[in-house]
């Protein structure tokens, strides 16, 4: 019998963090919740338990403590906050999978603040040189987690990273959240994935998708 993996969600009180937490709390994981907004965190925990009394979830008061206990760390924070989080968890994240979900969007959501030769995931990898950074969940909206199937088709969730074993593990996490995982390539492919979400956000605003939209690869 496989040992249950522990997932720390750093930023669980945010929109994406809470959506990921609620989704993964229904999967066979132990979920550790950390966030700066205590009231929202307590509300999230209550909602998780009301939905699934058997959910293995708990609130942790420190990002480093949550990361120390975790097998997988999800940095569900904006790009601007990743440096601060990396500094707090660096020593306890050695050898562990760290999932980067951020998109380094500019203030008008019309592009990215990073240069074309890097990505937020690659920048996080530089800050956490001894961790296995994987890009995931950045091409999905928070609303997609409660509706990962649209018009009968499961939304594709793209992942990228340099460690094949870590990619397999994150594929399972993505699948547990209800999405169809697609390995897009090495971590540098995150540059494309972050631009893809920038485009999807612009289309969502223009066409009133109400943040329930996603990418789908159709093939024979």
C-alpha atoms as a PDB file:
ATOM      1  CA  UNK A   1       0.000   0.000   0.000  1.00  0.00           C
ATOM      2  CA  UNK A   2       1.438   3.368  -1.078  1.00  0.00           C
ATOM      3  CA  UNK A   3       2.218   5.909   1.621  1.00  0.00           C
ATOM      4  CA  UNK A   4      -0.101   8.901   1.581  1.00  0.00           C
ATOM      5  CA  UNK A   5       1.738  11.985   0.329  1.00  0.00           C
ATOM      6  CA  UNK A   6       1.543  15.275   2.200  1.00  0.00           C
ATOM      7  CA  UNK A   7       0.934  18.451   0.213  1.00  0.00           C
ATOM      8  CA  UNK A   8       1.573  21.897   1.693  1.00  0.00           C
ATOM      9  CA  UNK A   9      -0.395  24.679   0.051  1.00  0.00           C
ATOM     10  CA  UNK A  10       1.364  27.974   0.708  1.00  0.00           C
ATOM     11  CA  UNK A  11      -1.131  30.750   0.041  1.00  0.00           C
ATOM     12  CA  UNK A  12      -4.204  28.618   0.733  1.00  0.00           C
ATOM     13  CA  UNK A  13      -6.253  31.664   1.706  1.00  0.00           C
ATOM     14  CA  UNK A  14      -6.043  33.078  -1.836  1.00  0.00           C
ATOM     15  CA  UNK A  15      -8.418  32.317  -4.711  1.00  0.00           C
ATOM     16  CA  UNK A  16      -6.199  29.771  -6.443  1.00  0.00           C
ATOM     17  CA  UNK A  17      -4.830  28.313  -3.229  1.00  0.00           C
ATOM     18  CA  UNK A  18      -8.273  27.705  -1.776  1.00  0.00           C
ATOM     19  CA  UNK A  19      -9.556  26.233  -5.049  1.00  0.00           C
ATOM     20  CA  UNK A  20      -6.619  23.820  -5.182  1.00  0.00           C
ATOM     21  CA  UNK A  21      -7.065  22.929  -1.508  1.00  0.00           C
ATOM     22  CA  UNK A  22     -10.764  22.142  -1.839  1.00  0.00           C
ATOM     23  CA  UNK A  23     -10.101  20.009  -4.896  1.00  0.00           C
ATOM     24  CA  UNK A  24      -7.174  18.023  -3.486  1.00  0.00           C
ATOM     25  CA  UNK A  25      -8.843  17.536  -0.093  1.00  0.00           C
ATOM     26  CA  UNK A  26     -11.102  15.002  -1.819  1.00  0.00           C
ATOM     27  CA  UNK A  27      -8.076  13.031  -3.025  1.00  0.00           C
ATOM     28  CA  UNK A  28      -5.931  10.625  -0.950  1.00  0.00           C
ATOM     29  CA  UNK A  29      -3.517  13.301   0.259  1.00  0.00           C
ATOM     30  CA  UNK A  30      -2.763  14.925   3.579  1.00  0.00           C
ATOM     31  CA  UNK A  31      -3.267  18.651   3.020  1.00  0.00           C
ATOM     32  CA  UNK A  32      -1.493  21.335   5.052  1.00  0.00           C
ATOM     33  CA  UNK A  33      -2.962  24.817   4.737  1.00  0.00           C
ATOM     34  CA  UNK A  34      -0.956  27.989   5.226  1.00  0.00           C
ATOM     35  CA  UNK A  35      -2.075  31.511   4.418  1.00  0.00           C
ATOM     36  CA  UNK A  36      -1.763  35.040   5.713  1.00  0.00           C
ATOM     37  CA  UNK A  37      -5.520  35.694   5.992  1.00  0.00           C
ATOM     38  CA  UNK A  38      -6.529  33.739   9.086  1.00  0.00           C
ATOM     39  CA  UNK A  39     -10.295  34.266   8.758  1.00  0.00           C
ATOM     40  CA  UNK A  40     -10.308  33.002   5.162  1.00  0.00           C
ATOM     41  CA  UNK A  41      -8.123  30.068   6.131  1.00  0.00           C
ATOM     42  CA  UNK A  42     -10.486  29.017   8.905  1.00  0.00           C
ATOM     43  CA  UNK A  43     -13.453  29.394   6.559  1.00  0.00           C
ATOM     44  CA  UNK A  44     -11.691  27.238   3.966  1.00  0.00           C
ATOM     45  CA  UNK A  45     -10.926  24.549   6.525  1.00  0.00           C
ATOM     46  CA  UNK A  46     -14.552  24.545   7.694  1.00  0.00           C
ATOM     47  CA  UNK A  47     -15.801  24.245   4.106  1.00  0.00           C
ATOM     48  CA  UNK A  48     -13.429  21.349   3.416  1.00  0.00           C
ATOM     49  CA  UNK A  49     -14.595  19.474   6.508  1.00  0.00           C
ATOM     50  CA  UNK A  50     -18.274  20.190   5.834  1.00  0.00           C
ATOM     51  CA  UNK A  51     -17.884  18.814   2.321  1.00  0.00           C
ATOM     52  CA  UNK A  52     -15.805  15.802   3.310  1.00  0.00           C
ATOM     53  CA  UNK A  53     -15.592  14.909   6.998  1.00  0.00           C
ATOM     54  CA  UNK A  54     -12.847  12.392   6.240  1.00  0.00           C
ATOM     55  CA  UNK A  55     -10.626  14.967   4.544  1.00  0.00           C
ATOM     56  CA  UNK A  56      -7.108  14.820   5.969  1.00  0.00           C
ATOM     57  CA  UNK A  57      -6.471  18.555   6.262  1.00  0.00           C
ATOM     58  CA  UNK A  58      -5.114  20.920   8.863  1.00  0.00           C
ATOM     59  CA  UNK A  59      -4.075  24.535   9.260  1.00  0.00           C
ATOM     60  CA  UNK A  60      -0.376  25.204   9.833  1.00  0.00           C
ATOM     61  CA  UNK A  61       0.769  28.550  11.205  1.00  0.00           C
ATOM     62  CA  UNK A  62       4.151  28.733   9.486  1.00  0.00           C
ATOM     63  CA  UNK A  63       5.189  28.285   5.847  1.00  0.00           C
ATOM     64  CA  UNK A  64       8.466  26.644   6.841  1.00  0.00           C
ATOM     65  CA  UNK A  65       6.745  24.176   9.194  1.00  0.00           C
ATOM     66  CA  UNK A  66       4.197  23.233   6.528  1.00  0.00           C
ATOM     67  CA  UNK A  67       6.937  22.771   3.939  1.00  0.00           C
ATOM     68  CA  UNK A  68       9.098  20.749   6.325  1.00  0.00           C
ATOM     69  CA  UNK A  69       6.286  18.216   6.804  1.00  0.00           C
ATOM     70  CA  UNK A  70       5.342  18.102   3.114  1.00  0.00           C
ATOM     71  CA  UNK A  71       6.428  15.868   0.252  1.00  0.00           C
ATOM     72  CA  UNK A  72       5.052  18.373  -2.255  1.00  0.00           C
ATOM     73  CA  UNK A  73       4.885  22.148  -1.783  1.00  0.00           C
ATOM     74  CA  UNK A  74       2.465  24.234  -3.840  1.00  0.00           C
ATOM     75  CA  UNK A  75       3.482  27.884  -3.969  1.00  0.00           C
ATOM     76  CA  UNK A  76       0.000  29.299  -4.568  1.00  0.00           C
ATOM     77  CA  UNK A  77       1.200  32.884  -4.393  1.00  0.00           C
ATOM     78  CA  UNK A  78       1.637  35.730  -6.904  1.00  0.00           C
ATOM     79  CA  UNK A  79       4.936  36.048  -8.731  1.00  0.00           C
ATOM     80  CA  UNK A  80       5.891  39.074  -6.614  1.00  0.00           C
ATOM     81  CA  UNK A  81       5.605  36.991  -3.433  1.00  0.00           C
ATOM     82  CA  UNK A  82       7.637  33.983  -4.592  1.00  0.00           C
ATOM     83  CA  UNK A  83      11.006  35.399  -3.517  1.00  0.00           C
ATOM     84  CA  UNK A  84       9.790  35.934   0.044  1.00  0.00           C
ATOM     85  CA  UNK A  85       8.288  32.429   0.209  1.00  0.00           C
ATOM     86  CA  UNK A  86      11.439  30.878  -1.241  1.00  0.00           C
ATOM     87  CA  UNK A  87      13.553  32.505   1.458  1.00  0.00           C
ATOM     88  CA  UNK A  88      11.279  31.093   4.159  1.00  0.00           C
ATOM     89  CA  UNK A  89      11.171  27.521   2.867  1.00  0.00           C
ATOM     90  CA  UNK A  90      14.563  27.104   1.156  1.00  0.00           C
ATOM     91  CA  UNK A  91      16.225  25.014   3.857  1.00  0.00           C
ATOM     92  CA  UNK A  92      13.259  22.671   4.338  1.00  0.00           C
ATOM     93  CA  UNK A  93      12.467  22.302   0.622  1.00  0.00           C
ATOM     94  CA  UNK A  94      15.709  20.540  -0.316  1.00  0.00           C
ATOM     95  CA  UNK A  95      15.020  17.593  -2.618  1.00  0.00           C
ATOM     96  CA  UNK A  96      11.277  18.256  -2.589  1.00  0.00           C
ATOM     97  CA  UNK A  97       8.845  19.057  -5.375  1.00  0.00           C
ATOM     98  CA  UNK A  98       7.803  22.707  -5.412  1.00  0.00           C
ATOM     99  CA  UNK A  99       4.933  23.578  -7.741  1.00  0.00           C
ATOM    100  CA  UNK A 100       4.925  27.065  -9.253  1.00  0.00           C
ATOM    101  CA  UNK A 101       1.442  28.179 -10.283  1.00  0.00           C
ATOM    102  CA  UNK A 102       2.112  31.893 -10.792  1.00  0.00           C
ATOM    103  CA  UNK A 103       1.835  33.967 -13.934  1.00  0.00           C
ATOM    104  CA  UNK A 104       4.019  37.113 -13.886  1.00  0.00           C
ATOM    105  CA  UNK A 105       1.320  39.391 -15.291  1.00  0.00           C
ATOM    106  CA  UNK A 106       1.636  43.132 -15.639  1.00  0.00           C
ATOM    107  CA  UNK A 107      -0.883  45.473 -13.998  1.00  0.00           C
ATOM    108  CA  UNK A 108      -3.147  45.624 -17.062  1.00  0.00           C
ATOM    109  CA  UNK A 109      -3.118  41.841 -17.705  1.00  0.00           C
ATOM    110  CA  UNK A 110      -1.881  42.474 -21.234  1.00  0.00           C
ATOM    111  CA  UNK A 111       1.497  40.786 -20.908  1.00  0.00           C
ATOM    112  CA  UNK A 112       4.213  39.494 -18.617  1.00  0.00           C
ATOM    113  CA  UNK A 113       6.747  41.398 -16.523  1.00  0.00           C
ATOM    114  CA  UNK A 114       9.442  38.770 -17.065  1.00  0.00           C
ATOM    115  CA  UNK A 115      11.811  38.910 -20.034  1.00  0.00           C
ATOM    116  CA  UNK A 116      11.363  36.467 -22.899  1.00  0.00           C
ATOM    117  CA  UNK A 117      14.348  34.358 -21.823  1.00  0.00           C
ATOM    118  CA  UNK A 118      12.901  33.301 -18.460  1.00  0.00           C
ATOM    119  CA  UNK A 119       9.693  32.501 -16.567  1.00  0.00           C
ATOM    120  CA  UNK A 120       8.417  32.750 -13.019  1.00  0.00           C
ATOM    121  CA  UNK A 121       9.050  29.018 -12.600  1.00  0.00           C
ATOM    122  CA  UNK A 122      12.660  29.323 -13.748  1.00  0.00           C
ATOM    123  CA  UNK A 123      13.176  32.261 -11.408  1.00  0.00           C
ATOM    124  CA  UNK A 124      11.767  30.195  -8.537  1.00  0.00           C
ATOM    125  CA  UNK A 125      14.144  27.353  -9.453  1.00  0.00           C
ATOM    126  CA  UNK A 126      17.056  29.788  -9.136  1.00  0.00           C
ATOM    127  CA  UNK A 127      15.825  30.719  -5.659  1.00  0.00           C
ATOM    128  CA  UNK A 128      15.389  27.049  -4.722  1.00  0.00           C
ATOM    129  CA  UNK A 129      18.371  25.396  -6.445  1.00  0.00           C
ATOM    130  CA  UNK A 130      18.088  22.164  -4.458  1.00  0.00           C
ATOM    131  CA  UNK A 131      14.347  21.668  -5.039  1.00  0.00           C
ATOM    132  CA  UNK A 132      12.515  20.181  -8.005  1.00  0.00           C
ATOM    133  CA  UNK A 133      10.441  23.064  -9.335  1.00  0.00           C
ATOM    134  CA  UNK A 134       7.532  22.043 -11.550  1.00  0.00           C
ATOM    135  CA  UNK A 135       5.178  24.387 -13.382  1.00  0.00           C
ATOM    136  CA  UNK A 136       1.542  23.372 -12.978  1.00  0.00           C
ATOM    137  CA  UNK A 137      -1.955  24.818 -12.566  1.00  0.00           C
ATOM    138  CA  UNK A 138      -0.935  28.150 -14.101  1.00  0.00           C
ATOM    139  CA  UNK A 139      -3.051  27.557 -17.217  1.00  0.00           C
ATOM    140  CA  UNK A 140      -6.226  27.002 -15.181  1.00  0.00           C
ATOM    141  CA  UNK A 141      -8.565  29.503 -13.545  1.00  0.00           C
ATOM    142  CA  UNK A 142      -9.673  29.118  -9.925  1.00  0.00           C
ATOM    143  CA  UNK A 143     -13.232  28.559 -11.157  1.00  0.00           C
ATOM    144  CA  UNK A 144     -12.110  25.583 -13.239  1.00  0.00           C
ATOM    145  CA  UNK A 145     -11.427  23.494 -10.145  1.00  0.00           C
ATOM    146  CA  UNK A 146     -15.144  23.221  -9.397  1.00  0.00           C
ATOM    147  CA  UNK A 147     -15.893  22.706 -13.099  1.00  0.00           C
ATOM    148  CA  UNK A 148     -12.926  20.921 -14.754  1.00  0.00           C
ATOM    149  CA  UNK A 149     -15.207  19.446 -17.441  1.00  0.00           C
ATOM    150  CA  UNK A 150     -16.677  21.955 -19.910  1.00  0.00           C
ATOM    151  CA  UNK A 151     -19.077  20.863 -22.645  1.00  0.00           C
ATOM    152  CA  UNK A 152     -18.175  17.253 -21.958  1.00  0.00           C
ATOM    153  CA  UNK A 153     -14.422  17.772 -22.304  1.00  0.00           C
ATOM    154  CA  UNK A 154     -11.924  17.696 -19.442  1.00  0.00           C
ATOM    155  CA  UNK A 155      -9.676  20.742 -19.317  1.00  0.00           C
ATOM    156  CA  UNK A 156      -6.020  20.059 -20.087  1.00  0.00           C
ATOM    157  CA  UNK A 157      -3.554  21.205 -17.420  1.00  0.00           C
ATOM    158  CA  UNK A 158      -0.024  21.617 -18.717  1.00  0.00           C
ATOM    159  CA  UNK A 159       3.017  20.852 -16.598  1.00  0.00           C
ATOM    160  CA  UNK A 160       6.701  21.476 -17.199  1.00  0.00           C
ATOM    161  CA  UNK A 161       9.867  20.528 -15.350  1.00  0.00           C
ATOM    162  CA  UNK A 162      13.332  19.050 -15.566  1.00  0.00           C
ATOM    163  CA  UNK A 163      12.809  15.989 -13.349  1.00  0.00           C
ATOM    164  CA  UNK A 164      10.857  13.141 -14.940  1.00  0.00           C
ATOM    165  CA  UNK A 165       9.924  11.457 -11.659  1.00  0.00           C
ATOM    166  CA  UNK A 166       8.654  14.758 -10.284  1.00  0.00           C
ATOM    167  CA  UNK A 167       6.627  15.306 -13.459  1.00  0.00           C
ATOM    168  CA  UNK A 168       4.968  11.918 -12.952  1.00  0.00           C
ATOM    169  CA  UNK A 169       4.136  12.760  -9.341  1.00  0.00           C
ATOM    170  CA  UNK A 170       2.668  16.137 -10.290  1.00  0.00           C
ATOM    171  CA  UNK A 171       0.704  14.498 -13.106  1.00  0.00           C
ATOM    172  CA  UNK A 172      -1.034  12.431 -10.430  1.00  0.00           C
ATOM    173  CA  UNK A 173      -1.781  15.579  -8.426  1.00  0.00           C
ATOM    174  CA  UNK A 174      -3.211  17.313 -11.495  1.00  0.00           C
ATOM    175  CA  UNK A 175      -5.315  14.256 -12.297  1.00  0.00           C
ATOM    176  CA  UNK A 176      -6.579  14.141  -8.709  1.00  0.00           C
ATOM    177  CA  UNK A 177      -7.752  17.736  -9.107  1.00  0.00           C
ATOM    178  CA  UNK A 178      -9.911  16.622 -12.043  1.00  0.00           C
ATOM    179  CA  UNK A 179      -7.811  17.843 -14.955  1.00  0.00           C
ATOM    180  CA  UNK A 180      -6.070  16.024 -17.795  1.00  0.00           C
ATOM    181  CA  UNK A 181      -2.310  16.407 -17.251  1.00  0.00           C
ATOM    182  CA  UNK A 182      -0.122  17.100 -20.267  1.00  0.00           C
ATOM    183  CA  UNK A 183       3.657  17.082 -19.916  1.00  0.00           C
ATOM    184  CA  UNK A 184       4.693  20.057 -22.015  1.00  0.00           C
ATOM    185  CA  UNK A 185       8.446  19.696 -21.631  1.00  0.00           C
ATOM    186  CA  UNK A 186      11.366  21.053 -19.621  1.00  0.00           C
ATOM    187  CA  UNK A 187      10.992  23.906 -17.154  1.00  0.00           C
ATOM    188  CA  UNK A 188      11.886  26.450 -19.865  1.00  0.00           C
ATOM    189  CA  UNK A 189       8.543  25.612 -21.533  1.00  0.00           C
ATOM    190  CA  UNK A 190       7.004  27.541 -18.634  1.00  0.00           C
ATOM    191  CA  UNK A 191       7.678  30.669 -20.692  1.00  0.00           C
ATOM    192  CA  UNK A 192       5.124  29.461 -23.220  1.00  0.00           C
ATOM    193  CA  UNK A 193       2.680  28.265 -20.579  1.00  0.00           C
ATOM    194  CA  UNK A 194       2.717  31.618 -18.811  1.00  0.00           C
ATOM    195  CA  UNK A 195       2.057  33.410 -22.093  1.00  0.00           C
ATOM    196  CA  UNK A 196      -0.780  30.967 -22.801  1.00  0.00           C
ATOM    197  CA  UNK A 197      -2.524  31.973 -19.591  1.00  0.00           C
ATOM    198  CA  UNK A 198      -1.936  35.642 -20.316  1.00  0.00           C
ATOM    199  CA  UNK A 199      -3.792  35.122 -23.597  1.00  0.00           C
ATOM    200  CA  UNK A 200      -6.575  33.122 -21.927  1.00  0.00           C
ATOM    201  CA  UNK A 201      -7.078  35.895 -19.362  1.00  0.00           C
ATOM    202  CA  UNK A 202      -7.342  38.495 -22.115  1.00  0.00           C
ATOM    203  CA  UNK A 203      -9.855  36.315 -23.992  1.00  0.00           C
ATOM    204  CA  UNK A 204     -11.802  35.726 -20.785  1.00  0.00           C
ATOM    205  CA  UNK A 205     -12.112  39.458 -20.198  1.00  0.00           C
ATOM    206  CA  UNK A 206     -13.065  40.147 -23.814  1.00  0.00           C
ATOM    207  CA  UNK A 207     -15.599  37.321 -24.147  1.00  0.00           C
ATOM    208  CA  UNK A 208     -16.963  37.150 -20.580  1.00  0.00           C
ATOM    209  CA  UNK A 209     -15.843  33.600 -19.851  1.00  0.00           C
ATOM    210  CA  UNK A 210     -16.253  34.433 -16.136  1.00  0.00           C
ATOM    211  CA  UNK A 211     -12.999  32.593 -15.418  1.00  0.00           C
ATOM    212  CA  UNK A 212     -14.417  29.202 -16.321  1.00  0.00           C
ATOM    213  CA  UNK A 213     -12.390  28.337 -19.403  1.00  0.00           C
ATOM    214  CA  UNK A 214      -9.395  26.242 -20.292  1.00  0.00           C
ATOM    215  CA  UNK A 215      -7.160  24.828 -22.971  1.00  0.00           C
ATOM    216  CA  UNK A 216      -7.834  21.568 -24.793  1.00  0.00           C
ATOM    217  CA  UNK A 217      -5.557  19.716 -27.191  1.00  0.00           C
ATOM    218  CA  UNK A 218      -7.612  17.841 -29.772  1.00  0.00           C
ATOM    219  CA  UNK A 219      -5.841  15.077 -31.628  1.00  0.00           C
ATOM    220  CA  UNK A 220      -6.370  11.684 -33.298  1.00  0.00           C
END
